[in-house]
Amino acid sequence: MGVSITIASGKGGVGKTMLTANLGVALSQLGKKVTILDADIEMANLGLHFGMESMKVTLHDVLAGEFDISQAVYKGPEGIKVIPAGVYPKKQREIYPKTLDEVLDGVLEQTDILIIDSPPVLGKNVVDALSAGHYLLLVTTPEISSMSDAIKTKIVAGKLGCRTLGTVLNRVYHDNSGLNLQDVEKVLETNIISVIPEDPNVGVCAKFGSPVISKNPDSPAAVAIKKLATVLVGVQ
């Protein structure tokens, strides 16, 4: 049985989905069987990072009870498996007959690590994504508003029994020389386990539907994400 890690932020625009896609590839490069799931069923865009924006069966269809989860699993780069949500869903439902927890049991039996890309804003769908995760990996930028929303997400995760692994400080500019990581850790009340620099290569690679860790593995962001993967590879 594999472990599930929910990557969440509480705020959009912090690079959560980028991290999800690239971290999955990095863990696969370390020999782990990795499955990545897009739990942002309202504003899905994980598939864009893999060129999977128009797949026939998605998580939407599985939650609607029309297909089995196994039919929504696709081969991604470097050995990963991807379960996309519909970027252009044929139908929108406020209430699905199946829950995320119900459809993921079989997935965990087939993978070492399931990475769940959570919706950005706290709400029912985020709660579902946190409930489905054994662990939480927080993503935030050095801005106060971003960190404030991350704290709220961490609190909700704790109430749901989702253990926080730590925080990834993303999109850090070189001119943030005065950034005191210890102060940030005190604010968030959790350890910062990775600092990922702002990197223009990320956006360039995303336009081509390819993770930066595959297309430009020596770029600053890719190097930082590979280091993060080595920290997480022993999570059980």
Protein backbone atom coordinates (compact mmCIF):
# COMPACT_ATOMS: atom_id res chain seq x y z
CA MET A 1 0.00 0.00 0.00
CA GLY A 2 1.40 3.37 -1.00
CA VAL A 3 1.36 6.68 0.82
CA SER A 4 -0.52 9.78 -0.31
CA ILE A 5 0.85 13.32 -0.13
CA THR A 6 -1.51 16.24 -0.66
CA ILE A 7 0.18 19.38 -1.96
CA ALA A 8 -1.82 22.41 -0.86
CA SER A 9 -1.41 26.13 -0.41
CA GLY A 10 -4.65 27.88 0.50
CA LYS A 11 -3.90 30.50 -2.15
CA GLY A 12 -3.58 30.46 -5.92
CA GLY A 13 -0.54 31.60 -7.85
CA VAL A 14 2.12 30.12 -5.57
CA GLY A 15 3.24 27.40 -8.00
CA LYS A 16 1.54 24.47 -6.31
CA THR A 17 0.62 22.61 -9.50
CA MET A 18 4.06 23.19 -11.00
CA LEU A 19 5.60 21.67 -7.89
CA THR A 20 3.20 18.71 -8.00
CA ALA A 21 4.10 17.86 -11.58
CA ASN A 22 7.84 18.23 -11.19
CA LEU A 23 8.10 16.59 -7.79
CA GLY A 24 6.31 13.54 -9.16
CA VAL A 25 8.86 13.22 -11.95
CA ALA A 26 11.75 13.75 -9.51
CA LEU A 27 10.49 10.97 -7.21
CA SER A 28 10.11 8.66 -10.20
CA GLN A 29 13.71 9.38 -11.16
CA LEU A 30 14.67 8.13 -7.70
CA GLY A 31 13.02 4.78 -8.39
CA LYS A 32 9.60 5.31 -6.85
CA LYS A 33 6.34 4.28 -8.52
CA VAL A 34 4.51 7.60 -8.61
CA THR A 35 0.93 8.52 -9.45
CA ILE A 36 -0.16 12.17 -9.65
CA LEU A 37 -3.82 13.14 -9.30
CA ASP A 38 -5.44 16.48 -10.08
CA ALA A 39 -8.01 17.05 -7.33
CA ASP A 40 -8.78 20.58 -8.51
CA ILE A 41 -11.96 19.53 -10.28
CA GLU A 42 -13.21 23.09 -10.81
CA MET A 43 -10.07 24.73 -12.20
CA ALA A 44 -7.97 21.78 -13.30
CA ASN A 45 -4.65 22.50 -14.98
CA LEU A 46 -2.27 19.74 -13.92
CA GLY A 47 -2.82 18.07 -17.29
CA LEU A 48 -1.39 21.14 -19.04
CA HIS A 49 2.02 20.38 -17.53
CA PHE A 50 2.00 16.99 -19.27
CA GLY A 51 0.18 17.83 -22.49
CA MET A 52 -2.90 15.98 -21.19
CA GLU A 53 -5.53 18.69 -21.43
CA SER A 54 -7.91 16.71 -23.67
CA MET A 55 -7.99 13.18 -22.26
CA LYS A 56 -11.11 11.13 -22.91
CA VAL A 57 -11.72 9.96 -19.31
CA THR A 58 -10.86 12.17 -16.33
CA LEU A 59 -11.46 12.35 -12.60
CA HIS A 60 -14.72 14.20 -13.33
CA ASP A 61 -16.10 11.11 -15.07
CA VAL A 62 -14.92 8.79 -12.27
CA LEU A 63 -16.54 10.88 -9.52
CA ALA A 64 -19.70 11.00 -11.61
CA GLY A 65 -19.78 7.20 -11.44
CA GLU A 66 -19.43 6.76 -15.20
CA PHE A 67 -15.98 5.14 -15.27
CA ASP A 68 -13.63 3.26 -12.95
CA ILE A 69 -10.57 5.11 -11.67
CA SER A 70 -8.32 2.68 -13.57
CA GLN A 71 -9.72 4.07 -16.83
CA ALA A 72 -8.56 7.59 -15.96
CA VAL A 73 -4.91 6.67 -15.37
CA TYR A 74 -2.48 7.71 -18.13
CA LYS A 75 1.23 7.21 -18.69
CA GLY A 76 3.25 10.36 -18.12
CA PRO A 77 6.93 11.20 -18.62
CA GLU A 78 9.70 9.17 -17.01
CA GLY A 79 7.47 6.43 -15.66
CA ILE A 80 4.90 8.43 -13.74
CA LYS A 81 1.16 7.88 -13.97
CA VAL A 82 -1.26 10.80 -14.18
CA ILE A 83 -4.95 11.05 -13.29
CA PRO A 84 -6.13 14.37 -14.77
CA ALA A 85 -9.29 16.27 -14.03
CA GLY A 86 -11.05 17.74 -17.03
CA VAL A 87 -9.56 21.04 -18.14
CA TYR A 88 -12.64 21.44 -20.31
CA PRO A 89 -15.17 19.23 -18.48
CA LYS A 90 -18.20 18.16 -20.47
CA LYS A 91 -20.35 18.61 -17.38
CA GLN A 92 -20.15 20.35 -14.04
CA ARG A 93 -21.74 18.90 -10.94
CA GLU A 94 -21.88 20.49 -7.53
CA ILE A 95 -22.38 17.07 -5.96
CA TYR A 96 -20.85 13.84 -7.25
CA PRO A 97 -22.16 10.43 -6.20
CA LYS A 98 -18.61 9.25 -5.42
CA THR A 99 -16.02 10.84 -3.13
CA LEU A 100 -12.29 11.15 -3.68
CA ASP A 101 -11.58 8.73 -0.83
CA GLU A 102 -13.82 6.09 -2.37
CA VAL A 103 -12.08 6.07 -5.74
CA LEU A 104 -8.47 6.17 -4.50
CA ASP A 105 -8.20 2.87 -2.61
CA GLY A 106 -7.28 0.94 -5.72
CA VAL A 107 -4.75 3.58 -6.77
CA LEU A 108 -2.79 3.30 -3.52
CA GLU A 109 -2.44 -0.42 -4.05
CA GLN A 110 -0.69 0.20 -7.38
CA THR A 111 1.78 2.93 -6.44
CA ASP A 112 4.47 3.85 -3.92
CA ILE A 113 3.56 7.52 -3.70
CA LEU A 114 0.30 9.18 -4.70
CA ILE A 115 0.66 12.95 -5.04
CA ILE A 116 -2.60 14.89 -4.87
CA ASP A 117 -2.74 18.39 -6.32
CA SER A 118 -5.24 20.22 -4.14
CA PRO A 119 -7.47 23.12 -5.22
CA PRO A 120 -5.95 26.48 -4.24
CA VAL A 121 -8.72 27.99 -2.11
CA LEU A 122 -10.07 26.48 1.10
CA GLY A 123 -13.45 24.85 0.56
CA LYS A 124 -15.11 21.46 0.26
CA ASN A 125 -12.85 20.26 -2.54
CA VAL A 126 -9.75 21.16 -0.53
CA VAL A 127 -11.13 19.33 2.49
CA ASP A 128 -11.68 16.27 0.29
CA ALA A 129 -8.10 16.47 -0.99
CA LEU A 130 -6.68 16.85 2.51
CA SER A 131 -8.82 13.98 3.80
CA ALA A 132 -7.43 11.74 1.07
CA GLY A 133 -3.82 12.52 2.01
CA HIS A 134 -1.76 10.77 4.65
CA TYR A 135 0.59 13.76 4.56
CA LEU A 136 0.44 17.44 3.69
CA LEU A 137 3.15 19.38 1.88
CA LEU A 138 2.48 23.10 2.19
CA VAL A 139 3.46 25.47 -0.61
CA THR A 140 3.75 29.20 -0.09
CA THR A 141 5.57 32.24 -1.35
CA PRO A 142 7.35 34.73 0.95
CA GLU A 143 4.32 37.08 0.99
CA ILE A 144 2.29 37.54 4.18
CA SER A 145 -1.06 36.86 2.47
CA SER A 146 0.24 33.60 1.05
CA MET A 147 1.65 32.47 4.38
CA SER A 148 -1.57 33.39 6.17
CA ASP A 149 -3.60 31.16 3.87
CA ALA A 150 -1.04 28.36 4.26
CA ILE A 151 -1.48 28.47 8.03
CA LYS A 152 -5.25 28.06 7.66
CA THR A 153 -4.72 25.08 5.36
CA LYS A 154 -2.32 23.46 7.83
CA ILE A 155 -4.81 23.85 10.67
CA VAL A 156 -7.60 22.23 8.64
CA ALA A 157 -5.28 19.39 7.60
CA GLY A 158 -4.37 18.70 11.21
CA LYS A 159 -8.03 18.42 12.18
CA LEU A 160 -8.50 15.90 9.37
CA GLY A 161 -5.57 13.77 10.50
CA CYS A 162 -3.30 14.77 7.61
CA ARG A 163 0.23 15.12 8.97
CA THR A 164 2.29 18.11 7.79
CA LEU A 165 5.66 17.15 6.34
CA GLY A 166 6.85 20.73 6.06
CA THR A 167 6.68 23.81 3.89
CA VAL A 168 8.08 24.55 0.45
CA LEU A 169 8.91 28.21 0.00
CA ASN A 170 8.42 28.76 -3.72
CA ARG A 171 9.11 31.55 -6.21
CA VAL A 172 11.84 33.13 -4.10
CA TYR A 173 13.59 35.97 -5.93
CA HIS A 174 17.32 36.57 -5.69
CA ASP A 175 16.68 40.01 -4.24
CA ASN A 176 14.95 38.46 -1.22
CA SER A 177 18.32 38.59 0.53
CA GLY A 178 16.74 39.85 3.72
CA LEU A 179 14.39 36.87 3.97
CA ASN A 180 14.81 35.23 7.35
CA LEU A 181 13.78 31.59 7.07
CA GLN A 182 13.64 31.16 10.83
CA ASP A 183 11.11 33.97 11.08
CA VAL A 184 9.03 32.39 8.31
CA GLU A 185 9.11 29.05 10.13
CA LYS A 186 7.88 30.73 13.30
CA VAL A 187 4.99 32.30 11.42
CA LEU A 188 4.02 29.02 9.76
CA GLU A 189 4.84 26.87 12.80
CA THR A 190 6.41 24.27 10.55
CA ASN A 191 9.82 23.57 9.04
CA ILE A 192 10.80 24.90 5.64
CA ILE A 193 12.16 21.83 3.87
CA SER A 194 12.81 23.42 0.49
CA VAL A 195 13.39 26.86 -1.03
CA ILE A 196 12.70 27.01 -4.76
CA PRO A 197 13.92 30.08 -6.64
CA GLU A 198 11.89 32.02 -9.16
CA ASP A 199 12.95 30.52 -12.47
CA PRO A 200 11.84 31.67 -15.96
CA ASN A 201 12.54 28.17 -17.29
CA VAL A 202 9.45 26.91 -15.44
CA GLY A 203 7.06 29.00 -17.51
CA VAL A 204 8.84 28.24 -20.76
CA CYS A 205 8.64 24.49 -20.19
CA ALA A 206 4.99 24.67 -19.12
CA LYS A 207 4.13 26.23 -22.48
CA PHE A 208 5.44 23.09 -24.16
CA GLY A 209 3.53 20.76 -21.81
CA SER A 210 6.73 19.46 -20.25
CA PRO A 211 7.94 19.62 -16.62
CA VAL A 212 11.05 21.75 -16.18
CA ILE A 213 12.76 18.87 -14.40
CA SER A 214 12.60 16.86 -17.64
CA LYS A 215 13.16 19.60 -20.21
CA ASN A 216 15.74 21.66 -18.32
CA PRO A 217 17.06 19.51 -15.44
CA ASP A 218 19.94 21.84 -14.60
CA SER A 219 17.78 24.93 -14.15
CA PRO A 220 17.65 26.43 -10.61
CA ALA A 221 14.07 25.32 -9.90
CA ALA A 222 14.69 21.80 -11.19
CA VAL A 223 17.78 21.38 -9.03
CA ALA A 224 15.88 22.54 -5.93
CA ILE A 225 12.97 20.18 -6.64
CA LYS A 226 15.31 17.22 -7.07
CA LYS A 227 16.79 17.99 -3.66
CA LEU A 228 13.30 18.10 -2.18
CA ALA A 229 12.56 14.68 -3.70
CA THR A 230 15.56 13.18 -1.90
CA VAL A 231 14.17 14.53 1.38
CA LEU A 232 10.75 13.00 0.75
CA VAL A 233 11.79 9.68 -0.78
CA GLY A 234 11.82 7.90 2.59
CA VAL A 235 8.36 9.07 3.70
CA GLN A 236 6.27 6.16 4.99
